[in-house]
């Protein structure tokens, strides 16, 4: 009994196929036979590209990255402050003994 092994494609290949599909110079059937893919797979990749395209030029992605960096730096600051407080408490508790 033969097992079907799924093929995995890298992002560059997916982008190339989706771009060819968006160009519209060839039909999905032609692209399917050219790249050895099912037409539905090409259609899905095309939809993903078209859905992500408007966000490519927006500032929202940049703002999300900046917010993430700000959060990380604030958390590291809090960790440092708590470490200093714990060290101080350890020192003071040893003095009481």
PDB file of N, CA and C in Angstrom:
ATOM      1  N   UNK A   1       0.840  -1.176   0.000  1.00  0.00           N
ATOM      2  CA  UNK A   1       0.000   0.000   0.000  1.00  0.00           C
ATOM      3  C   UNK A   1       0.891   1.247   0.000  1.00  0.00           C
ATOM      4  N   UNK A   2       0.754   2.053  -1.008  1.00  0.00           N
ATOM      5  CA  UNK A   2       1.571   3.261  -1.145  1.00  0.00           C
ATOM      6  C   UNK A   2       0.968   4.396  -0.330  1.00  0.00           C
ATOM      7  N   UNK A   3       1.841   5.156   0.276  1.00  0.00           N
ATOM      8  CA  UNK A   3       1.385   6.298   1.073  1.00  0.00           C
ATOM      9  C   UNK A   3       1.625   7.575   0.291  1.00  0.00           C
ATOM     10  N   UNK A   4       0.676   8.470   0.362  1.00  0.00           N
ATOM     11  CA  UNK A   4       0.845   9.777  -0.263  1.00  0.00           C
ATOM     12  C   UNK A   4       1.644  10.668   0.672  1.00  0.00           C
ATOM     13  N   UNK A   5       2.713  11.197   0.176  1.00  0.00           N
ATOM     14  CA  UNK A   5       3.542  12.111   0.967  1.00  0.00           C
ATOM     15  C   UNK A   5       3.289  13.512   0.439  1.00  0.00           C
ATOM     16  N   UNK A   6       2.927  14.389   1.358  1.00  0.00           N
ATOM     17  CA  UNK A   6       2.655  15.774   0.966  1.00  0.00           C
ATOM     18  C   UNK A   6       3.931  16.487   0.589  1.00  0.00           C
ATOM     19  N   UNK A   7       3.830  17.262  -0.464  1.00  0.00           N
ATOM     20  CA  UNK A   7       4.961  18.079  -0.869  1.00  0.00           C
ATOM     21  C   UNK A   7       4.910  19.388  -0.088  1.00  0.00           C
ATOM     22  N   UNK A   8       6.066  19.857   0.301  1.00  0.00           N
ATOM     23  CA  UNK A   8       6.139  21.170   0.932  1.00  0.00           C
ATOM     24  C   UNK A   8       6.887  22.100  -0.016  1.00  0.00           C
ATOM     25  N   UNK A   9       6.370  23.293  -0.139  1.00  0.00           N
ATOM     26  CA  UNK A   9       6.951  24.273  -1.047  1.00  0.00           C
ATOM     27  C   UNK A   9       7.426  25.468  -0.243  1.00  0.00           C
ATOM     28  N   UNK A  10       8.559  26.013  -0.622  1.00  0.00           N
ATOM     29  CA  UNK A  10       9.072  27.175   0.091  1.00  0.00           C
ATOM     30  C   UNK A  10       8.300  28.430  -0.324  1.00  0.00           C
ATOM     31  N   UNK A  11       8.470  29.467   0.448  1.00  0.00           N
ATOM     32  CA  UNK A  11       7.701  30.695   0.241  1.00  0.00           C
ATOM     33  C   UNK A  11       8.014  31.355  -1.094  1.00  0.00           C
ATOM     34  N   UNK A  12       9.243  31.242  -1.560  1.00  0.00           N
ATOM     35  CA  UNK A  12       9.609  31.846  -2.846  1.00  0.00           C
ATOM     36  C   UNK A  12       8.849  31.175  -3.992  1.00  0.00           C
ATOM     37  N   UNK A  13       8.719  29.859  -3.929  1.00  0.00           N
ATOM     38  CA  UNK A  13       7.985  29.128  -4.961  1.00  0.00           C
ATOM     39  C   UNK A  13       6.510  29.521  -4.932  1.00  0.00           C
ATOM     40  N   UNK A  14       5.937  29.595  -3.726  1.00  0.00           N
ATOM     41  CA  UNK A  14       4.532  29.973  -3.590  1.00  0.00           C
ATOM     42  C   UNK A  14       4.297  31.375  -4.146  1.00  0.00           C
ATOM     43  N   UNK A  15       5.207  32.291  -3.850  1.00  0.00           N
ATOM     44  CA  UNK A  15       5.073  33.665  -4.337  1.00  0.00           C
ATOM     45  C   UNK A  15       5.158  33.707  -5.853  1.00  0.00           C
ATOM     46  N   UNK A  16       6.058  32.928  -6.413  1.00  0.00           N
ATOM     47  CA  UNK A  16       6.216  32.891  -7.862  1.00  0.00           C
ATOM     48  C   UNK A  16       4.941  32.387  -8.532  1.00  0.00           C
ATOM     49  N   UNK A  17       4.378  31.295  -8.011  1.00  0.00           N
ATOM     50  CA  UNK A  17       3.164  30.722  -8.587  1.00  0.00           C
ATOM     51  C   UNK A  17       1.990  31.686  -8.432  1.00  0.00           C
ATOM     52  N   UNK A  18       1.863  32.292  -7.241  1.00  0.00           N
ATOM     53  CA  UNK A  18       0.761  33.225  -7.009  1.00  0.00           C
ATOM     54  C   UNK A  18       0.876  34.444  -7.913  1.00  0.00           C
ATOM     55  N   UNK A  19       2.081  34.931  -8.119  1.00  0.00           N
ATOM     56  CA  UNK A  19       2.293  36.084  -8.988  1.00  0.00           C
ATOM     57  C   UNK A  19       1.924  35.754 -10.431  1.00  0.00           C
ATOM     58  N   UNK A  20       2.302  34.574 -10.882  1.00  0.00           N
ATOM     59  CA  UNK A  20       1.915  34.148 -12.234  1.00  0.00           C
ATOM     60  C   UNK A  20       0.402  34.075 -12.358  1.00  0.00           C
ATOM     61  N   UNK A  21      -0.249  33.616 -11.303  1.00  0.00           N
ATOM     62  CA  UNK A  21      -1.706  33.520 -11.308  1.00  0.00           C
ATOM     63  C   UNK A  21      -2.349  34.903 -11.349  1.00  0.00           C
ATOM     64  N   UNK A  22      -1.782  35.834 -10.614  1.00  0.00           N
ATOM     65  CA  UNK A  22      -2.327  37.194 -10.565  1.00  0.00           C
ATOM     66  C   UNK A  22      -2.140  37.900 -11.900  1.00  0.00           C
ATOM     67  N   UNK A  23      -1.025  37.627 -12.563  1.00  0.00           N
ATOM     68  CA  UNK A  23      -0.784  38.247 -13.870  1.00  0.00           C
ATOM     69  C   UNK A  23      -1.904  37.929 -14.851  1.00  0.00           C
ATOM     70  N   UNK A  24      -2.422  36.721 -14.792  1.00  0.00           N
ATOM     71  CA  UNK A  24      -3.538  36.341 -15.643  1.00  0.00           C
ATOM     72  C   UNK A  24      -3.147  36.012 -17.073  1.00  0.00           C
ATOM     73  N   UNK A  25      -1.883  35.837 -17.343  1.00  0.00           N
ATOM     74  CA  UNK A  25      -1.445  35.503 -18.698  1.00  0.00           C
ATOM     75  C   UNK A  25      -1.761  34.052 -19.054  1.00  0.00           C
ATOM     76  N   UNK A  26      -1.839  33.197 -18.029  1.00  0.00           N
ATOM     77  CA  UNK A  26      -2.132  31.781 -18.225  1.00  0.00           C
ATOM     78  C   UNK A  26      -3.310  31.397 -17.344  1.00  0.00           C
ATOM     79  N   UNK A  27      -4.022  30.366 -17.741  1.00  0.00           N
ATOM     80  CA  UNK A  27      -5.149  29.885 -16.944  1.00  0.00           C
ATOM     81  C   UNK A  27      -4.624  29.063 -15.779  1.00  0.00           C
ATOM     82  N   UNK A  28      -5.500  28.808 -14.812  1.00  0.00           N
ATOM     83  CA  UNK A  28      -5.111  27.979 -13.674  1.00  0.00           C
ATOM     84  C   UNK A  28      -4.704  26.581 -14.128  1.00  0.00           C
ATOM     85  N   UNK A  29      -5.377  26.077 -15.139  1.00  0.00           N
ATOM     86  CA  UNK A  29      -5.045  24.750 -15.647  1.00  0.00           C
ATOM     87  C   UNK A  29      -3.644  24.725 -16.245  1.00  0.00           C
ATOM     88  N   UNK A  30      -3.301  25.763 -16.976  1.00  0.00           N
ATOM     89  CA  UNK A  30      -1.959  25.841 -17.550  1.00  0.00           C
ATOM     90  C   UNK A  30      -0.903  25.950 -16.456  1.00  0.00           C
ATOM     91  N   UNK A  31      -1.171  26.794 -15.474  1.00  0.00           N
ATOM     92  CA  UNK A  31      -0.229  26.935 -14.359  1.00  0.00           C
ATOM     93  C   UNK A  31      -0.115  25.635 -13.574  1.00  0.00           C
ATOM     94  N   UNK A  32      -1.240  24.961 -13.431  1.00  0.00           N
ATOM     95  CA  UNK A  32      -1.265  23.708 -12.702  1.00  0.00           C
ATOM     96  C   UNK A  32      -0.357  22.667 -13.351  1.00  0.00           C
ATOM     97  N   UNK A  33      -0.459  22.532 -14.655  1.00  0.00           N
ATOM     98  CA  UNK A  33       0.387  21.551 -15.339  1.00  0.00           C
ATOM     99  C   UNK A  33       1.846  22.016 -15.392  1.00  0.00           C
ATOM    100  N   UNK A  34       2.064  23.309 -15.477  1.00  0.00           N
ATOM    101  CA  UNK A  34       3.431  23.833 -15.536  1.00  0.00           C
ATOM    102  C   UNK A  34       4.181  23.614 -14.229  1.00  0.00           C
ATOM    103  N   UNK A  35       3.507  23.879 -13.098  1.00  0.00           N
ATOM    104  CA  UNK A  35       4.158  23.783 -11.793  1.00  0.00           C
ATOM    105  C   UNK A  35       3.879  22.475 -11.057  1.00  0.00           C
ATOM    106  N   UNK A  36       3.000  21.640 -11.599  1.00  0.00           N
ATOM    107  CA  UNK A  36       2.692  20.361 -10.959  1.00  0.00           C
ATOM    108  C   UNK A  36       1.876  20.508  -9.698  1.00  0.00           C
ATOM    109  N   UNK A  37       0.939  21.433  -9.704  1.00  0.00           N
ATOM    110  CA  UNK A  37       0.091  21.695  -8.541  1.00  0.00           C
ATOM    111  C   UNK A  37      -1.373  21.544  -8.924  1.00  0.00           C
ATOM    112  N   UNK A  38      -2.218  21.402  -7.917  1.00  0.00           N
ATOM    113  CA  UNK A  38      -3.650  21.373  -8.153  1.00  0.00           C
ATOM    114  C   UNK A  38      -4.138  22.813  -8.327  1.00  0.00           C
ATOM    115  N   UNK A  39      -5.080  23.050  -9.230  1.00  0.00           N
ATOM    116  CA  UNK A  39      -5.581  24.416  -9.442  1.00  0.00           C
ATOM    117  C   UNK A  39      -6.141  25.065  -8.178  1.00  0.00           C
ATOM    118  N   UNK A  40      -6.748  24.261  -7.303  1.00  0.00           N
ATOM    119  CA  UNK A  40      -7.275  24.819  -6.053  1.00  0.00           C
ATOM    120  C   UNK A  40      -6.156  25.375  -5.174  1.00  0.00           C
ATOM    121  N   UNK A  41      -5.009  24.687  -5.165  1.00  0.00           N
ATOM    122  CA  UNK A  41      -3.874  25.160  -4.370  1.00  0.00           C
ATOM    123  C   UNK A  41      -3.377  26.499  -4.894  1.00  0.00           C
ATOM    124  N   UNK A  42      -3.302  26.629  -6.197  1.00  0.00           N
ATOM    125  CA  UNK A  42      -2.860  27.895  -6.794  1.00  0.00           C
ATOM    126  C   UNK A  42      -3.850  29.000  -6.442  1.00  0.00           C
ATOM    127  N   UNK A  43      -5.131  28.686  -6.490  1.00  0.00           N
ATOM    128  CA  UNK A  43      -6.161  29.666  -6.138  1.00  0.00           C
ATOM    129  C   UNK A  43      -6.063  30.106  -4.690  1.00  0.00           C
ATOM    130  N   UNK A  44      -5.758  29.166  -3.801  1.00  0.00           N
ATOM    131  CA  UNK A  44      -5.613  29.513  -2.380  1.00  0.00           C
ATOM    132  C   UNK A  44      -4.422  30.437  -2.155  1.00  0.00           C
ATOM    133  N   UNK A  45      -3.307  30.118  -2.803  1.00  0.00           N
ATOM    134  CA  UNK A  45      -2.123  30.974  -2.656  1.00  0.00           C
ATOM    135  C   UNK A  45      -2.388  32.361  -3.225  1.00  0.00           C
ATOM    136  N   UNK A  46      -3.119  32.423  -4.325  1.00  0.00           N
ATOM    137  CA  UNK A  46      -3.458  33.712  -4.939  1.00  0.00           C
ATOM    138  C   UNK A  46      -4.313  34.548  -3.984  1.00  0.00           C
ATOM    139  N   UNK A  47      -5.293  33.902  -3.346  1.00  0.00           N
ATOM    140  CA  UNK A  47      -6.152  34.610  -2.382  1.00  0.00           C
ATOM    141  C   UNK A  47      -5.346  35.121  -1.198  1.00  0.00           C
ATOM    142  N   UNK A  48      -4.391  34.307  -0.721  1.00  0.00           N
ATOM    143  CA  UNK A  48      -3.562  34.731   0.403  1.00  0.00           C
ATOM    144  C   UNK A  48      -2.743  35.962   0.042  1.00  0.00           C
ATOM    145  N   UNK A  49      -2.183  35.972  -1.160  1.00  0.00           N
ATOM    146  CA  UNK A  49      -1.377  37.110  -1.599  1.00  0.00           C
ATOM    147  C   UNK A  49      -2.238  38.352  -1.718  1.00  0.00           C
ATOM    148  N   UNK A  50      -3.388  38.223  -2.336  1.00  0.00           N
ATOM    149  CA  UNK A  50      -4.260  39.384  -2.524  1.00  0.00           C
ATOM    150  C   UNK A  50      -4.791  39.909  -1.196  1.00  0.00           C
ATOM    151  N   UNK A  51      -5.001  39.020  -0.234  1.00  0.00           N
ATOM    152  CA  UNK A  51      -5.482  39.441   1.085  1.00  0.00           C
ATOM    153  C   UNK A  51      -4.391  40.196   1.855  1.00  0.00           C
ATOM    154  N   UNK A  52      -3.140  39.746   1.724  1.00  0.00           N
ATOM    155  CA  UNK A  52      -2.035  40.351   2.475  1.00  0.00           C
ATOM    156  C   UNK A  52      -1.469  41.590   1.798  1.00  0.00           C
ATOM    157  N   UNK A  53      -1.773  41.797   0.542  1.00  0.00           N
ATOM    158  CA  UNK A  53      -1.181  42.894  -0.223  1.00  0.00           C
ATOM    159  C   UNK A  53      -1.476  44.282   0.351  1.00  0.00           C
ATOM    160  N   UNK A  54      -2.710  44.612   0.743  1.00  0.00           N
ATOM    161  CA  UNK A  54      -2.949  45.960   1.282  1.00  0.00           C
ATOM    162  C   UNK A  54      -2.151  46.261   2.557  1.00  0.00           C
ATOM    163  N   UNK A  55      -1.920  45.242   3.387  1.00  0.00           N
ATOM    164  CA  UNK A  55      -1.167  45.455   4.624  1.00  0.00           C
ATOM    165  C   UNK A  55       0.314  45.676   4.368  1.00  0.00           C
ATOM    166  N   UNK A  56       0.767  45.307   3.202  1.00  0.00           N
ATOM    167  CA  UNK A  56       2.178  45.434   2.879  1.00  0.00           C
ATOM    168  C   UNK A  56       2.645  46.891   2.921  1.00  0.00           C
ATOM    169  N   UNK A  57       1.778  47.807   2.545  1.00  0.00           N
ATOM    170  CA  UNK A  57       2.146  49.217   2.475  1.00  0.00           C
ATOM    171  C   UNK A  57       1.581  50.048   3.632  1.00  0.00           C
ATOM    172  N   UNK A  58       1.023  49.395   4.623  1.00  0.00           N
ATOM    173  CA  UNK A  58       0.436  50.147   5.730  1.00  0.00           C
ATOM    174  C   UNK A  58       1.456  50.347   6.847  1.00  0.00           C
ATOM    175  N   UNK A  59       1.210  51.340   7.651  1.00  0.00           N
ATOM    176  CA  UNK A  59       2.069  51.623   8.808  1.00  0.00           C
ATOM    177  C   UNK A  59       1.673  50.789  10.013  1.00  0.00           C
ATOM    178  N   UNK A  60       0.532  50.098   9.916  1.00  0.00           N
ATOM    179  CA  UNK A  60       0.039  49.347  11.059  1.00  0.00           C
ATOM    180  C   UNK A  60       1.041  48.273  11.470  1.00  0.00           C
ATOM    181  N   UNK A  61       1.640  47.615  10.495  1.00  0.00           N
ATOM    182  CA  UNK A  61       2.595  46.564  10.798  1.00  0.00           C
ATOM    183  C   UNK A  61       3.806  47.144  11.530  1.00  0.00           C
ATOM    184  N   UNK A  62       4.253  48.303  11.086  1.00  0.00           N
ATOM    185  CA  UNK A  62       5.385  48.966  11.747  1.00  0.00           C
ATOM    186  C   UNK A  62       5.007  49.345  13.175  1.00  0.00           C
ATOM    187  N   UNK A  63       3.793  49.860  13.352  1.00  0.00           N
ATOM    188  CA  UNK A  63       3.335  50.252  14.681  1.00  0.00           C
ATOM    189  C   UNK A  63       3.231  49.051  15.612  1.00  0.00           C
ATOM    190  N   UNK A  64       2.762  47.904  15.097  1.00  0.00           N
ATOM    191  CA  UNK A  64       2.666  46.707  15.915  1.00  0.00           C
ATOM    192  C   UNK A  64       4.050  46.248  16.362  1.00  0.00           C
ATOM    193  N   UNK A  65       5.028  46.336  15.467  1.00  0.00           N
ATOM    194  CA  UNK A  65       6.394  45.954  15.819  1.00  0.00           C
ATOM    195  C   UNK A  65       6.950  46.881  16.896  1.00  0.00           C
ATOM    196  N   UNK A  66       6.693  48.179  16.786  1.00  0.00           N
ATOM    197  CA  UNK A  66       7.178  49.146  17.765  1.00  0.00           C
ATOM    198  C   UNK A  66       6.517  48.908  19.122  1.00  0.00           C
ATOM    199  N   UNK A  67       5.208  48.621  19.122  1.00  0.00           N
ATOM    200  CA  UNK A  67       4.517  48.336  20.378  1.00  0.00           C
ATOM    201  C   UNK A  67       5.102  47.096  21.041  1.00  0.00           C
ATOM    202  N   UNK A  68       5.418  46.085  20.247  1.00  0.00           N
ATOM    203  CA  UNK A  68       6.005  44.858  20.775  1.00  0.00           C
ATOM    204  C   UNK A  68       7.367  45.150  21.399  1.00  0.00           C
ATOM    205  N   UNK A  69       8.184  45.950  20.736  1.00  0.00           N
ATOM    206  CA  UNK A  69       9.499  46.302  21.275  1.00  0.00           C
ATOM    207  C   UNK A  69       9.358  47.109  22.565  1.00  0.00           C
ATOM    208  N   UNK A  70       8.396  48.033  22.617  1.00  0.00           N
ATOM    209  CA  UNK A  70       8.171  48.825  23.822  1.00  0.00           C
ATOM    210  C   UNK A  70       7.749  47.934  24.988  1.00  0.00           C
ATOM    211  N   UNK A  71       6.879  46.968  24.713  1.00  0.00           N
ATOM    212  CA  UNK A  71       6.429  46.048  25.749  1.00  0.00           C
ATOM    213  C   UNK A  71       7.592  45.224  26.279  1.00  0.00           C
ATOM    214  N   UNK A  72       8.420  44.733  25.401  1.00  0.00           N
ATOM    215  CA  UNK A  72       9.572  43.919  25.814  1.00  0.00           C
ATOM    216  C   UNK A  72      10.529  44.736  26.670  1.00  0.00           C
ATOM    217  N   UNK A  73      10.808  45.976  26.266  1.00  0.00           N
ATOM    218  CA  UNK A  73      11.731  46.793  27.053  1.00  0.00           C
ATOM    219  C   UNK A  73      11.140  47.122  28.425  1.00  0.00           C
ATOM    220  N   UNK A  74       9.842  47.353  28.500  1.00  0.00           N
ATOM    221  CA  UNK A  74       9.193  47.621  29.790  1.00  0.00           C
ATOM    222  C   UNK A  74       9.264  46.391  30.687  1.00  0.00           C
ATOM    223  N   UNK A  75       9.047  45.219  30.130  1.00  0.00           N
ATOM    224  CA  UNK A  75       9.118  43.996  30.931  1.00  0.00           C
ATOM    225  C   UNK A  75      10.532  43.745  31.445  1.00  0.00           C
ATOM    226  N   UNK A  76      11.535  43.994  30.612  1.00  0.00           N
ATOM    227  CA  UNK A  76      12.918  43.848  31.072  1.00  0.00           C
ATOM    228  C   UNK A  76      13.227  44.853  32.184  1.00  0.00           C
ATOM    229  N   UNK A  77      12.696  46.059  32.094  1.00  0.00           N
ATOM    230  CA  UNK A  77      12.903  47.057  33.145  1.00  0.00           C
ATOM    231  C   UNK A  77      12.291  46.575  34.454  1.00  0.00           C
ATOM    232  N   UNK A  78      11.080  46.020  34.375  1.00  0.00           N
ATOM    233  CA  UNK A  78      10.410  45.521  35.576  1.00  0.00           C
ATOM    234  C   UNK A  78      11.175  44.347  36.183  1.00  0.00           C
ATOM    235  N   UNK A  79      11.695  43.467  35.337  1.00  0.00           N
ATOM    236  CA  UNK A  79      12.479  42.335  35.834  1.00  0.00           C
ATOM    237  C   UNK A  79      13.712  42.837  36.583  1.00  0.00           C
ATOM    238  N   UNK A  80      14.381  43.822  36.022  1.00  0.00           N
ATOM    239  CA  UNK A  80      15.553  44.389  36.682  1.00  0.00           C
ATOM    240  C   UNK A  80      15.210  44.999  38.029  1.00  0.00           C
ATOM    241  N   UNK A  81      14.100  45.729  38.071  1.00  0.00           N
ATOM    242  CA  UNK A  81      13.674  46.358  39.325  1.00  0.00           C
ATOM    243  C   UNK A  81      13.343  45.296  40.368  1.00  0.00           C
ATOM    244  N   UNK A  82      12.641  44.254  39.984  1.00  0.00           N
ATOM    245  CA  UNK A  82      12.296  43.193  40.929  1.00  0.00           C
ATOM    246  C   UNK A  82      13.537  42.454  41.417  1.00  0.00           C
ATOM    247  N   UNK A  83      14.511  42.281  40.563  1.00  0.00           N
ATOM    248  CA  UNK A  83      15.754  41.617  40.969  1.00  0.00           C
ATOM    249  C   UNK A  83      16.471  42.450  42.033  1.00  0.00           C
ATOM    250  N   UNK A  84      16.510  43.750  41.846  1.00  0.00           N
ATOM    251  CA  UNK A  84      17.147  44.627  42.833  1.00  0.00           C
ATOM    252  C   UNK A  84      16.399  44.548  44.159  1.00  0.00           C
ATOM    253  N   UNK A  85      15.072  44.549  44.115  1.00  0.00           N
ATOM    254  CA  UNK A  85      14.277  44.481  45.345  1.00  0.00           C
ATOM    255  C   UNK A  85      14.488  43.159  46.071  1.00  0.00           C
ATOM    256  N   UNK A  86      14.560  42.047  45.330  1.00  0.00           N
ATOM    257  CA  UNK A  86      14.784  40.743  45.945  1.00  0.00           C
ATOM    258  C   UNK A  86      16.159  40.699  46.602  1.00  0.00           C
ATOM    259  N   UNK A  87      17.162  41.215  45.912  1.00  0.00           N
ATOM    260  CA  UNK A  87      18.516  41.241  46.499  1.00  0.00           C
ATOM    261  C   UNK A  87      18.538  42.081  47.774  1.00  0.00           C
ATOM    262  N   UNK A  88      17.856  43.202  47.784  1.00  0.00           N
ATOM    263  CA  UNK A  88      17.798  44.071  48.960  1.00  0.00           C
ATOM    264  C   UNK A  88      17.106  43.354  50.117  1.00  0.00           C
ATOM    265  N   UNK A  89      15.991  42.673  49.801  1.00  0.00           N
ATOM    266  CA  UNK A  89      15.265  41.949  50.854  1.00  0.00           C
ATOM    267  C   UNK A  89      16.097  40.799  51.419  1.00  0.00           C
ATOM    268  N   UNK A  90      16.843  40.113  50.571  1.00  0.00           N
ATOM    269  CA  UNK A  90      17.718  39.042  51.055  1.00  0.00           C
ATOM    270  C   UNK A  90      18.767  39.601  52.009  1.00  0.00           C
ATOM    271  N   UNK A  91      19.334  40.740  51.639  1.00  0.00           N
ATOM    272  CA  UNK A  91      20.361  41.353  52.463  1.00  0.00           C
ATOM    273  C   UNK A  91      19.792  41.767  53.811  1.00  0.00           C
ATOM    274  N   UNK A  92      18.604  42.406  53.812  1.00  0.00           N
ATOM    275  CA  UNK A  92      17.983  42.870  55.052  1.00  0.00           C
ATOM    276  C   UNK A  92      17.534  41.709  55.927  1.00  0.00           C
ATOM    277  N   UNK A  93      17.078  40.620  55.314  1.00  0.00           N
ATOM    278  CA  UNK A  93      16.617  39.476  56.128  1.00  0.00           C
ATOM    279  C   UNK A  93      17.826  38.800  56.791  1.00  0.00           C
ATOM    280  N   UNK A  94      18.982  38.812  56.154  1.00  0.00           N
ATOM    281  CA  UNK A  94      20.172  38.220  56.753  1.00  0.00           C
ATOM    282  C   UNK A  94      20.653  39.075  57.933  1.00  0.00           C
ATOM    283  N   UNK A  95      20.409  40.366  57.873  1.00  0.00           N
ATOM    284  CA  UNK A  95      20.837  41.246  58.960  1.00  0.00           C
ATOM    285  C   UNK A  95      19.982  41.028  60.195  1.00  0.00           C
ATOM    286  N   UNK A  96      18.732  40.598  60.018  1.00  0.00           N
ATOM    287  CA  UNK A  96      17.844  40.381  61.155  1.00  0.00           C
ATOM    288  C   UNK A  96      18.161  39.095  61.904  1.00  0.00           C
ATOM    289  N   UNK A  97      18.825  38.172  61.266  1.00  0.00           N
ATOM    290  CA  UNK A  97      19.142  36.895  61.912  1.00  0.00           C
ATOM    291  C   UNK A  97      20.316  36.990  62.785  1.00  0.00           C
TER     292      UNK A  97
END
